[in-house]
Amino acid sequence: MADRLSELPDDVLLSILKRVDLRDAIRTAILAKRWRHLPAALPDIVLDVLSFRKKQDDDHQDGFTFTSRLSREARANLAVAHAAKAILARRSGEHAIDRLLVRFYLRAESIGIVRSVDDAIASGRARFREAAFDVRGEKRALECTGRDTLANGRRLASLVGGCPRAFAGLTRLRVESVTLRGSNDVANVLAACENLEILSLHSCDASAGSNVAALEMEHPRLVRLDVDACDFETVDLKWLPRLVQVSNNIWFPSRTLPPLVFGHVPQLRTVILSTVGTVNYRTLKLSELLVNATGIRTLQMIFESEKIWFQPESPKHLAPLLRNLRIACLDKIHKECDLIWTMFVLEAAPLLKELRISQFVVVRRVRVTEHSCGGLAAADVMRKLLYCKKNNIEWHIYSDFKHYNLLLVTVVGFEIKDKFVKLIKRLAHAAVNLEDIHLEDEVKLLPNYVVSKYRQRERVNEEADQRGKIIANKNQYKVITVFANALNCC
């Protein structure tokens, strides 16, 4: 069978290799001389350190022998370095690589990985339509110390300075667990990645005493920016003429600065904000936050705790900023909070077409494990910080208020309670041209916490099948998940 396969033409063999993991493709090339040149001709090259990682007692990987003294992260990084060199050194440059994705640890071996890409570009052997680096610390983000992230930051700066062509060719970059030692670090990375379109920063911070309290972003080509669990006082979108989407998730609150500052962002269309509002968390005002972001079409706010960390405001203040909004998502609202206040979006956004509201079951019981720092004490601190008293928001809706563009309402975490019935009734009355209402009882849960799930998906679907489509007066509603009490209010 192997001989018959070897008789097939290169394009057929290449098609076979496309369907297997690159690590397996390299092994095949090592074992079969006929296949040896084929991995270098693959249009998509994915070198993922996670797929190369082996158990610590495994001393052999992909034909290379490692001593048992090396950690599995070191062995995986070395395997990626060898694979990158073997594949890119054999490229002819005749065909461009459609997609290059390299994920590696910021260790000493990482210079060999990046240098292989840099050399291939310099020699003309490789051209990339899309190229991405996923750069992460050897330890998981939550396990990294300040010393670890500082070392990661120095190593990243060394890679950027030593292999400029590799970073210049990147269209996507993800950086995790890195300390930026000054504004020059940020500027140097952005300047080196001149073709960058998507940047993701995860668990990054500024070193003590540095001037990176505000993460200032300037780039001519950046289209999307994701900032997750980073310790900066604010993210200043100073000059990003092509930016379309920005997200800031789990930010560390500042006493004076908002999580985002919008500078020159004329193409910005989507803003996503998500954080856990703690007891002392400063309440934000959208009228102050969204200044210079009047072009946004989609706004998503995720609350993650009892605290609603922004203050609903009157249409007088918000309408000029939300005049172009088409989709609004208010997610993970505490289950004991009232929901009528969410209609402030309708009043402030006359062009709104879709509104999603999701309820979140806040965890009351934190998983406690045995730990040297004292699990029970840590759990008590978490309860005091995260589980603040819920804040109900009073909001008055005028009975004659009408909205003429809202077409779809989705409520996730629906329960047969007065607050949901009142909300659906108000929406049905105000939205003149409403077409669809989706009511779903599924709730999203925080990972790594002990909670009890309540799901009745099968029963709900059966009820929906039985009741089918509901038509009410002049508005035709397609209620996907049907509850009898909710339908009566429509």
Protein backbone atom coordinates (compact mmCIF):
# COMPACT_ATOMS: atom_id res chain seq x y z
CA MET A 1 0.00 0.00 0.00
CA ALA A 2 2.85 2.39 0.88
CA ASP A 3 4.50 1.75 -2.51
CA ARG A 4 1.24 2.41 -4.34
CA LEU A 5 0.82 5.70 -2.46
CA SER A 6 4.34 6.74 -3.39
CA GLU A 7 3.49 6.30 -7.05
CA LEU A 8 0.86 9.03 -6.85
CA PRO A 9 1.75 12.49 -8.21
CA ASP A 10 2.91 15.24 -5.88
CA ASP A 11 -0.34 17.20 -5.95
CA VAL A 12 -2.29 14.16 -4.71
CA LEU A 13 0.24 13.41 -1.96
CA LEU A 14 0.19 17.07 -0.98
CA SER A 15 -3.59 16.93 -0.73
CA ILE A 16 -3.23 13.99 1.67
CA LEU A 17 -0.72 15.84 3.85
CA LYS A 18 -3.03 18.85 4.10
CA ARG A 19 -5.47 16.68 6.02
CA VAL A 20 -3.07 15.61 8.75
CA ASP A 21 -1.34 17.44 11.56
CA LEU A 22 1.92 19.09 10.50
CA ARG A 23 3.79 17.06 13.11
CA ASP A 24 2.53 13.86 11.47
CA ALA A 25 3.39 15.24 8.04
CA ILE A 26 6.99 15.82 9.16
CA ARG A 27 7.21 12.31 10.59
CA THR A 28 5.94 10.91 7.30
CA ALA A 29 8.57 12.87 5.39
CA ILE A 30 11.31 11.55 7.67
CA LEU A 31 10.22 7.94 7.22
CA ALA A 32 9.53 8.03 3.46
CA LYS A 33 12.06 9.51 1.06
CA ARG A 34 9.38 10.00 -1.62
CA TRP A 35 7.49 12.36 0.72
CA ARG A 36 10.53 14.24 2.03
CA HIS A 37 10.12 17.40 -0.06
CA LEU A 38 6.34 17.70 0.36
CA PRO A 39 5.96 19.39 3.80
CA ALA A 40 7.89 22.38 2.45
CA ALA A 41 5.26 22.77 -0.29
CA LEU A 42 2.25 22.90 2.05
CA PRO A 43 0.20 26.10 1.59
CA ASP A 44 -0.70 26.25 5.30
CA ILE A 45 2.01 25.84 7.91
CA VAL A 46 0.92 25.55 11.54
CA LEU A 47 3.74 25.08 14.05
CA ASP A 48 2.05 24.81 17.42
CA VAL A 49 4.18 24.24 20.49
CA LEU A 50 1.18 22.71 22.26
CA SER A 51 0.91 19.93 19.70
CA PHE A 52 4.65 19.24 19.97
CA ARG A 53 4.65 19.13 23.74
CA LYS A 54 5.29 15.67 25.15
CA LYS A 55 5.47 14.04 28.54
CA GLN A 56 8.65 14.77 30.44
CA ASP A 57 9.81 11.16 30.35
CA ASP A 58 9.57 10.98 26.54
CA ASP A 59 13.07 11.54 25.20
CA HIS A 60 12.31 11.17 21.52
CA GLN A 61 10.30 13.47 19.35
CA ASP A 62 10.11 13.79 15.58
CA GLY A 63 13.45 12.10 14.99
CA PHE A 64 15.37 14.34 17.40
CA THR A 65 16.75 13.11 20.72
CA PHE A 66 16.54 15.23 23.85
CA THR A 67 18.03 14.61 27.25
CA SER A 68 15.64 13.98 30.12
CA ARG A 69 16.92 17.08 31.90
CA LEU A 70 14.97 19.32 29.55
CA SER A 71 11.42 20.21 30.46
CA ARG A 72 8.64 19.27 28.10
CA GLU A 73 8.24 22.99 27.26
CA ALA A 74 11.91 23.14 26.23
CA ARG A 75 11.59 19.98 24.16
CA ALA A 76 8.45 21.29 22.50
CA ASN A 77 10.11 24.62 21.70
CA LEU A 78 13.13 22.82 20.24
CA ALA A 79 10.87 20.62 18.15
CA VAL A 80 9.12 23.70 16.75
CA ALA A 81 12.52 25.28 16.00
CA HIS A 82 13.72 22.17 14.15
CA ALA A 83 10.44 21.89 12.22
CA ALA A 84 10.49 25.57 11.23
CA LYS A 85 14.06 25.31 9.99
CA ALA A 86 13.43 22.05 8.11
CA ILE A 87 10.30 23.28 6.36
CA LEU A 88 11.20 26.89 5.59
CA ALA A 89 14.75 26.06 4.47
CA ARG A 90 13.31 23.83 1.73
CA ARG A 91 10.85 26.40 0.36
CA SER A 92 11.58 27.41 -3.20
CA GLY A 93 9.79 30.75 -3.05
CA GLU A 94 7.80 29.84 -6.15
CA HIS A 95 4.50 29.69 -4.26
CA ALA A 96 3.41 31.96 -1.42
CA ILE A 97 2.38 30.42 1.88
CA ASP A 98 -1.31 31.09 2.41
CA ARG A 99 -1.12 30.92 6.18
CA LEU A 100 1.72 30.65 8.67
CA LEU A 101 0.87 30.21 12.34
CA VAL A 102 3.68 29.75 14.87
CA ARG A 103 2.92 29.34 18.56
CA PHE A 104 5.91 29.13 20.90
CA TYR A 105 7.14 29.77 24.42
CA LEU A 106 9.34 32.74 25.24
CA ARG A 107 12.39 30.67 26.07
CA ALA A 108 15.98 30.65 24.84
CA GLU A 109 15.01 28.27 22.01
CA SER A 110 12.51 30.78 20.59
CA ILE A 111 15.28 32.70 18.81
CA GLY A 112 15.80 29.68 16.53
CA ILE A 113 12.11 29.64 15.64
CA VAL A 114 11.84 33.31 14.75
CA ARG A 115 15.22 33.34 12.99
CA SER A 116 14.07 30.57 10.63
CA VAL A 117 11.14 32.75 9.57
CA ASP A 118 13.38 35.80 9.30
CA ASP A 119 15.97 33.98 7.17
CA ALA A 120 13.32 32.51 4.87
CA ILE A 121 11.92 35.98 4.19
CA ALA A 122 15.37 37.52 3.71
CA SER A 123 16.41 34.85 1.19
CA GLY A 124 13.16 35.07 -0.74
CA ARG A 125 12.31 31.42 -0.03
CA ALA A 126 9.07 32.30 1.73
CA ARG A 127 6.26 34.76 1.10
CA PHE A 128 3.23 34.88 3.35
CA ARG A 129 -0.30 36.03 2.66
CA GLU A 130 -1.12 35.64 6.36
CA ALA A 131 1.44 35.22 9.12
CA ALA A 132 0.77 34.96 12.85
CA PHE A 133 2.88 34.58 15.98
CA ASP A 134 1.33 33.43 19.24
CA VAL A 135 3.95 34.28 21.85
CA ARG A 136 3.42 33.11 25.41
CA GLY A 137 5.29 32.59 28.64
CA GLU A 138 6.50 29.16 29.66
CA LYS A 139 4.16 29.26 32.66
CA ARG A 140 0.44 29.79 32.53
CA ALA A 141 -0.61 33.40 32.99
CA LEU A 142 -1.94 32.93 36.53
CA GLU A 143 1.28 31.19 37.60
CA CYS A 144 3.67 33.87 36.32
CA THR A 145 5.51 36.06 38.81
CA GLY A 146 6.72 39.59 38.16
CA ARG A 147 10.19 38.19 37.50
CA ASP A 148 8.75 35.79 34.91
CA THR A 149 6.90 38.49 32.97
CA LEU A 150 9.94 40.79 33.06
CA ALA A 151 12.09 38.01 31.58
CA ASN A 152 9.43 37.40 28.94
CA GLY A 153 9.41 41.09 28.09
CA ARG A 154 13.19 41.21 27.66
CA ARG A 155 13.12 38.13 25.44
CA LEU A 156 10.33 39.55 23.26
CA ALA A 157 12.23 42.81 22.84
CA SER A 158 15.32 40.81 21.84
CA LEU A 159 13.35 38.85 19.23
CA VAL A 160 11.84 42.01 17.75
CA GLY A 161 15.24 43.69 17.53
CA GLY A 162 17.09 40.64 16.24
CA CYS A 163 14.59 39.41 13.63
CA PRO A 164 12.93 42.51 12.15
CA ARG A 165 11.85 40.88 8.87
CA ALA A 166 9.90 38.15 10.67
CA PHE A 167 7.86 40.67 12.65
CA ALA A 168 7.45 42.99 9.67
CA GLY A 169 5.68 40.17 7.82
CA LEU A 170 3.17 39.45 10.59
CA THR A 171 -0.52 40.14 10.07
CA ARG A 172 -1.52 38.76 13.50
CA LEU A 173 0.27 38.81 16.84
CA ARG A 174 -0.80 37.45 20.21
CA VAL A 175 1.35 38.20 23.25
CA GLU A 176 0.78 36.66 26.68
CA SER A 177 2.40 37.23 30.09
CA VAL A 178 4.82 39.99 29.12
CA THR A 179 5.89 43.07 31.06
CA LEU A 180 6.42 46.20 28.97
CA ARG A 181 9.26 48.15 30.53
CA GLY A 182 8.44 51.52 28.97
CA SER A 183 6.59 53.26 26.17
CA ASN A 184 9.46 52.37 23.82
CA ASP A 185 8.65 48.65 24.19
CA VAL A 186 5.12 49.21 22.89
CA ALA A 187 6.25 51.58 20.15
CA ASN A 188 9.04 49.24 19.02
CA VAL A 189 6.73 46.23 18.71
CA LEU A 190 4.11 48.21 16.78
CA ALA A 191 6.73 49.80 14.53
CA ALA A 192 8.36 46.44 13.79
CA CYS A 193 5.01 44.82 12.90
CA GLU A 194 4.31 47.19 10.04
CA ASN A 195 1.73 44.91 8.36
CA LEU A 196 -0.06 43.97 11.58
CA GLU A 197 -3.87 43.77 11.37
CA ILE A 198 -4.84 41.92 14.57
CA LEU A 199 -3.14 42.36 17.96
CA SER A 200 -4.09 40.46 21.12
CA LEU A 201 -2.53 41.22 24.50
CA HIS A 202 -3.26 38.79 27.34
CA SER A 203 -2.09 39.20 30.95
CA CYS A 204 0.45 41.88 30.06
CA ASP A 205 1.45 44.75 32.32
CA ALA A 206 3.81 47.66 32.85
CA SER A 207 6.85 47.39 35.07
CA ALA A 208 6.88 49.32 38.33
CA GLY A 209 7.92 52.92 37.80
CA SER A 210 7.51 52.78 34.02
CA ASN A 211 5.53 55.30 32.00
CA VAL A 212 3.12 52.78 30.51
CA ALA A 213 0.19 53.49 32.84
CA ALA A 214 -1.69 54.26 29.64
CA LEU A 215 -1.15 51.82 26.79
CA GLU A 216 -0.92 54.16 23.80
CA MET A 217 -1.74 52.56 20.46
CA GLU A 218 -0.69 54.04 17.12
CA HIS A 219 -0.60 51.94 13.96
CA PRO A 220 -1.61 52.61 10.34
CA ARG A 221 -2.97 49.13 9.54
CA LEU A 222 -4.37 47.66 12.76
CA VAL A 223 -7.96 46.45 12.29
CA ARG A 224 -8.66 44.64 15.56
CA LEU A 225 -7.31 45.02 19.10
CA ASP A 226 -8.06 42.62 21.97
CA VAL A 227 -6.82 43.43 25.47
CA ASP A 228 -7.50 40.73 28.08
CA ALA A 229 -6.65 40.86 31.79
CA CYS A 230 -3.90 43.45 31.27
CA ASP A 231 -2.72 45.74 34.05
CA PHE A 232 -2.80 49.16 32.38
CA GLU A 233 -4.73 52.12 33.74
CA THR A 234 -6.24 52.70 30.34
CA VAL A 235 -5.87 51.79 26.67
CA ASP A 236 -5.48 54.94 24.59
CA LEU A 237 -6.51 54.37 20.97
CA LYS A 238 -4.49 57.36 19.92
CA TRP A 239 -4.18 56.92 16.14
CA LEU A 240 -5.66 53.82 14.54
CA PRO A 241 -7.22 54.92 11.24
CA ARG A 242 -8.28 51.37 10.20
CA LEU A 243 -9.40 49.99 13.56
CA VAL A 244 -12.79 48.26 13.28
CA GLN A 245 -13.09 46.31 16.56
CA VAL A 246 -11.70 46.76 20.06
CA SER A 247 -12.29 44.72 23.21
CA ASN A 248 -11.07 45.31 26.74
CA ASN A 249 -11.80 42.40 29.06
CA ILE A 250 -11.15 42.13 32.80
CA TRP A 251 -9.34 45.43 33.10
CA PHE A 252 -7.86 46.76 36.33
CA PRO A 253 -9.93 49.78 37.35
CA SER A 254 -8.41 53.23 37.55
CA ARG A 255 -9.63 55.93 39.91
CA THR A 256 -9.44 58.61 37.24
CA LEU A 257 -9.17 57.02 33.78
CA PRO A 258 -11.72 55.02 31.75
CA PRO A 259 -10.75 51.57 30.40
CA LEU A 260 -10.65 52.94 26.85
CA VAL A 261 -9.82 56.34 25.43
CA PHE A 262 -10.94 56.89 21.85
CA GLY A 263 -8.65 59.04 19.74
CA HIS A 264 -8.54 58.93 15.94
CA VAL A 265 -10.62 55.82 15.17
CA PRO A 266 -12.83 56.80 12.21
CA GLN A 267 -13.56 53.18 11.14
CA LEU A 268 -14.40 51.81 14.61
CA ARG A 269 -17.62 49.78 14.50
CA THR A 270 -17.52 47.29 17.42
CA VAL A 271 -16.72 47.90 21.11
CA ILE A 272 -16.69 45.06 23.66
CA LEU A 273 -16.25 45.74 27.39
CA SER A 274 -16.20 42.99 30.00
CA THR A 275 -15.09 43.02 33.60
CA VAL A 276 -15.88 41.90 37.13
CA GLY A 277 -17.17 44.92 39.03
CA THR A 278 -15.79 44.78 42.56
CA VAL A 279 -17.14 46.48 45.68
CA ASN A 280 -15.13 49.68 45.19
CA TYR A 281 -15.38 49.74 41.42
CA ARG A 282 -15.95 53.19 39.93
CA THR A 283 -19.18 53.47 37.94
CA LEU A 284 -18.60 54.57 34.36
CA LYS A 285 -20.65 56.96 32.25
CA LEU A 286 -21.12 56.01 28.62
CA SER A 287 -21.46 59.68 27.70
CA GLU A 288 -17.87 60.17 28.87
CA LEU A 289 -16.50 56.82 27.72
CA LEU A 290 -17.77 56.89 24.13
CA VAL A 291 -16.66 60.39 23.23
CA ASN A 292 -15.09 60.27 19.73
CA ALA A 293 -16.67 56.83 19.09
CA THR A 294 -19.92 57.94 17.49
CA GLY A 295 -19.56 55.56 14.54
CA ILE A 296 -19.94 52.31 16.51
CA ARG A 297 -22.54 49.85 15.23
CA THR A 298 -22.17 47.10 17.87
CA LEU A 299 -21.78 47.60 21.62
CA GLN A 300 -21.40 44.66 24.01
CA MET A 301 -21.09 45.05 27.77
CA ILE A 302 -20.50 41.98 29.97
CA PHE A 303 -20.86 42.40 33.73
CA GLU A 304 -19.53 39.13 35.27
CA SER A 305 -20.78 40.03 38.79
CA GLU A 306 -23.61 41.66 40.77
CA LYS A 307 -22.35 45.15 40.06
CA ILE A 308 -23.58 47.05 37.01
CA TRP A 309 -20.42 49.03 36.39
CA PHE A 310 -21.88 51.74 34.19
CA GLN A 311 -24.64 54.26 34.76
CA PRO A 312 -27.59 54.41 32.34
CA GLU A 313 -28.16 57.97 31.20
CA SER A 314 -30.92 59.93 29.55
CA PRO A 315 -31.23 60.06 25.75
CA LYS A 316 -30.23 63.71 25.91
CA HIS A 317 -26.66 62.69 26.82
CA LEU A 318 -26.38 59.39 24.94
CA ALA A 319 -28.30 59.89 21.69
CA PRO A 320 -25.49 61.85 19.96
CA LEU A 321 -23.06 59.00 20.76
CA LEU A 322 -25.32 56.02 19.99
CA ARG A 323 -27.05 57.45 16.95
CA ASN A 324 -25.46 54.83 14.66
CA LEU A 325 -25.80 51.83 16.99
CA ARG A 326 -27.41 48.76 15.39
CA ILE A 327 -26.69 45.91 17.85
CA ALA A 328 -26.58 46.16 21.66
CA CYS A 329 -25.69 43.27 23.99
CA LEU A 330 -26.04 43.54 27.78
CA ASP A 331 -24.70 40.23 29.03
CA LYS A 332 -24.40 38.41 32.37
CA ILE A 333 -26.71 40.69 34.33
CA HIS A 334 -27.18 39.46 37.88
CA LYS A 335 -30.34 37.37 38.17
CA GLU A 336 -31.76 39.46 41.02
CA CYS A 337 -31.41 42.76 39.19
CA ASP A 338 -34.39 44.35 37.52
CA LEU A 339 -34.28 44.56 33.72
CA ILE A 340 -36.44 47.54 32.77
CA TRP A 341 -33.39 49.80 32.88
CA THR A 342 -31.98 48.00 29.83
CA MET A 343 -34.49 49.87 27.69
CA PHE A 344 -32.37 52.99 28.01
CA VAL A 345 -30.56 51.66 24.93
CA LEU A 346 -33.73 51.88 22.87
CA GLU A 347 -34.32 55.47 23.90
CA ALA A 348 -30.75 56.50 23.07
CA ALA A 349 -30.28 54.47 19.85
CA PRO A 350 -33.07 55.16 17.33
CA LEU A 351 -31.49 52.93 14.64
CA LEU A 352 -31.08 49.89 16.91
CA LYS A 353 -32.10 46.64 15.18
CA GLU A 354 -31.05 43.92 17.65
CA LEU A 355 -31.08 43.85 21.44
CA ARG A 356 -29.70 40.96 23.49
CA ILE A 357 -30.06 40.68 27.24
CA SER A 358 -28.59 37.75 29.14
CA GLN A 359 -28.94 36.84 32.77
CA PHE A 360 -26.08 35.42 34.76
CA VAL A 361 -26.22 33.14 37.78
CA VAL A 362 -23.58 34.56 40.10
CA VAL A 363 -21.69 31.86 41.93
CA ARG A 364 -22.26 31.77 45.67
CA ARG A 365 -19.78 29.02 46.48
CA VAL A 366 -16.15 29.36 45.44
CA ARG A 367 -14.20 26.17 44.86
CA VAL A 368 -11.64 26.00 47.67
CA THR A 369 -8.52 23.89 47.28
CA GLU A 370 -5.65 23.14 49.61
CA HIS A 371 -2.96 25.68 48.97
CA SER A 372 0.08 26.96 50.83
CA CYS A 373 -1.35 30.49 50.99
CA GLY A 374 -4.54 29.32 52.71
CA GLY A 375 -7.53 28.47 50.54
CA LEU A 376 -10.27 29.43 53.03
CA ALA A 377 -8.87 32.90 53.63
CA ALA A 378 -8.52 33.45 49.89
CA ALA A 379 -12.12 32.37 49.35
CA ASP A 380 -13.35 34.85 51.97
CA VAL A 381 -11.44 37.65 50.27
CA MET A 382 -12.93 36.68 46.91
CA ARG A 383 -16.44 36.76 48.34
CA LYS A 384 -15.93 40.22 49.83
CA LEU A 385 -14.43 41.61 46.64
CA LEU A 386 -16.62 40.07 43.98
CA TYR A 387 -19.98 39.46 45.57
CA CYS A 388 -21.01 42.98 46.41
CA LYS A 389 -24.59 43.91 47.12
CA LYS A 390 -26.55 43.97 43.89
CA ASN A 391 -27.49 47.39 42.61
CA ASN A 392 -30.98 47.74 41.19
CA ILE A 393 -31.23 50.58 38.72
CA GLU A 394 -34.33 52.71 38.66
CA TRP A 395 -35.44 53.68 35.17
CA HIS A 396 -38.65 55.30 33.98
CA ILE A 397 -40.05 54.60 30.53
CA TYR A 398 -42.67 56.97 29.19
CA SER A 399 -45.81 55.10 28.18
CA ASP A 400 -45.94 56.78 24.78
CA PHE A 401 -42.33 55.93 23.83
CA LYS A 402 -42.03 54.20 20.44
CA HIS A 403 -39.09 52.65 18.60
CA TYR A 404 -39.40 52.03 14.87
CA ASN A 405 -36.29 50.05 13.90
CA LEU A 406 -35.93 47.28 16.51
CA LEU A 407 -36.49 43.91 14.79
CA LEU A 408 -35.03 41.26 17.11
CA VAL A 409 -34.94 40.81 20.88
CA THR A 410 -33.06 37.91 22.49
CA VAL A 411 -33.34 37.17 26.20
CA VAL A 412 -30.98 34.49 27.53
CA GLY A 413 -31.57 33.08 31.00
CA PHE A 414 -35.32 33.61 30.77
CA GLU A 415 -37.48 32.64 33.73
CA ILE A 416 -41.21 32.92 34.30
CA LYS A 417 -40.96 35.89 36.65
CA ASP A 418 -42.59 39.31 36.77
CA LYS A 419 -39.46 41.18 35.72
CA PHE A 420 -39.21 39.20 32.47
CA VAL A 421 -42.92 39.53 31.76
CA LYS A 422 -42.74 43.30 32.33
CA LEU A 423 -39.70 43.61 30.09
CA ILE A 424 -41.25 41.64 27.23
CA LYS A 425 -44.47 43.61 27.58
CA ARG A 426 -42.65 46.96 27.47
CA LEU A 427 -40.56 45.91 24.49
CA ALA A 428 -43.59 44.65 22.59
CA HIS A 429 -45.42 47.89 23.27
CA ALA A 430 -42.54 50.20 22.37
CA ALA A 431 -41.05 48.40 19.35
CA VAL A 432 -43.59 49.06 16.61
CA ASN A 433 -41.94 46.88 13.96
CA LEU A 434 -40.61 44.08 16.17
CA GLU A 435 -40.43 40.78 14.28
CA ASP A 436 -38.72 38.19 16.50
CA ILE A 437 -38.45 37.53 20.22
CA HIS A 438 -36.11 34.72 21.25
CA LEU A 439 -36.46 33.54 24.84
CA GLU A 440 -33.86 31.05 26.02
CA ASP A 441 -33.50 29.56 29.48
CA GLU A 442 -29.83 28.64 29.10
CA VAL A 443 -27.47 30.51 31.41
CA LYS A 444 -23.73 30.94 31.08
CA LEU A 445 -21.51 30.07 34.03
CA LEU A 446 -18.10 31.21 35.17
CA PRO A 447 -15.42 28.52 34.69
CA ASN A 448 -13.51 27.07 37.64
CA TYR A 449 -16.33 27.64 40.11
CA VAL A 450 -18.70 25.14 41.71
CA VAL A 451 -22.31 25.84 40.78
CA SER A 452 -25.45 23.91 40.07
CA LYS A 453 -26.69 24.08 36.49
CA TYR A 454 -30.33 24.41 35.61
CA ARG A 455 -31.13 23.28 32.11
CA GLN A 456 -34.37 22.23 30.56
CA ARG A 457 -33.48 22.56 26.91
CA GLU A 458 -35.19 19.36 25.74
CA ARG A 459 -38.45 20.18 27.51
CA VAL A 460 -38.42 23.75 26.25
CA ASN A 461 -37.83 22.64 22.68
CA GLU A 462 -40.74 20.21 22.97
CA GLU A 463 -42.99 23.04 24.17
CA ALA A 464 -41.80 25.25 21.34
CA ASP A 465 -42.57 22.54 18.80
CA GLN A 466 -46.05 22.08 20.22
CA ARG A 467 -47.01 25.75 20.38
CA GLY A 468 -45.24 26.78 17.18
CA LYS A 469 -45.51 30.29 15.86
CA ILE A 470 -47.43 32.99 17.68
CA ILE A 471 -49.01 35.97 15.94
CA ALA A 472 -50.05 38.94 18.05
CA ASN A 473 -52.13 41.81 16.66
CA LYS A 474 -50.36 43.73 13.90
CA ASN A 475 -46.88 42.55 14.91
CA GLN A 476 -45.82 39.04 13.92
CA TYR A 477 -43.53 37.50 16.52
CA LYS A 478 -41.67 34.24 16.04
CA VAL A 479 -41.13 33.16 19.62
CA ILE A 480 -38.51 30.43 19.47
CA THR A 481 -38.51 29.24 23.07
CA VAL A 482 -42.06 29.52 24.31
CA PHE A 483 -43.28 29.90 27.85
CA ALA A 484 -47.02 30.20 28.32
CA ASN A 485 -46.98 33.06 30.84
CA ALA A 486 -44.65 35.14 28.68
CA LEU A 487 -46.84 34.69 25.63
CA ASN A 488 -49.89 35.95 27.48
CA CYS A 489 -48.21 39.29 28.01
CA CYS A 490 -47.67 39.78 24.28
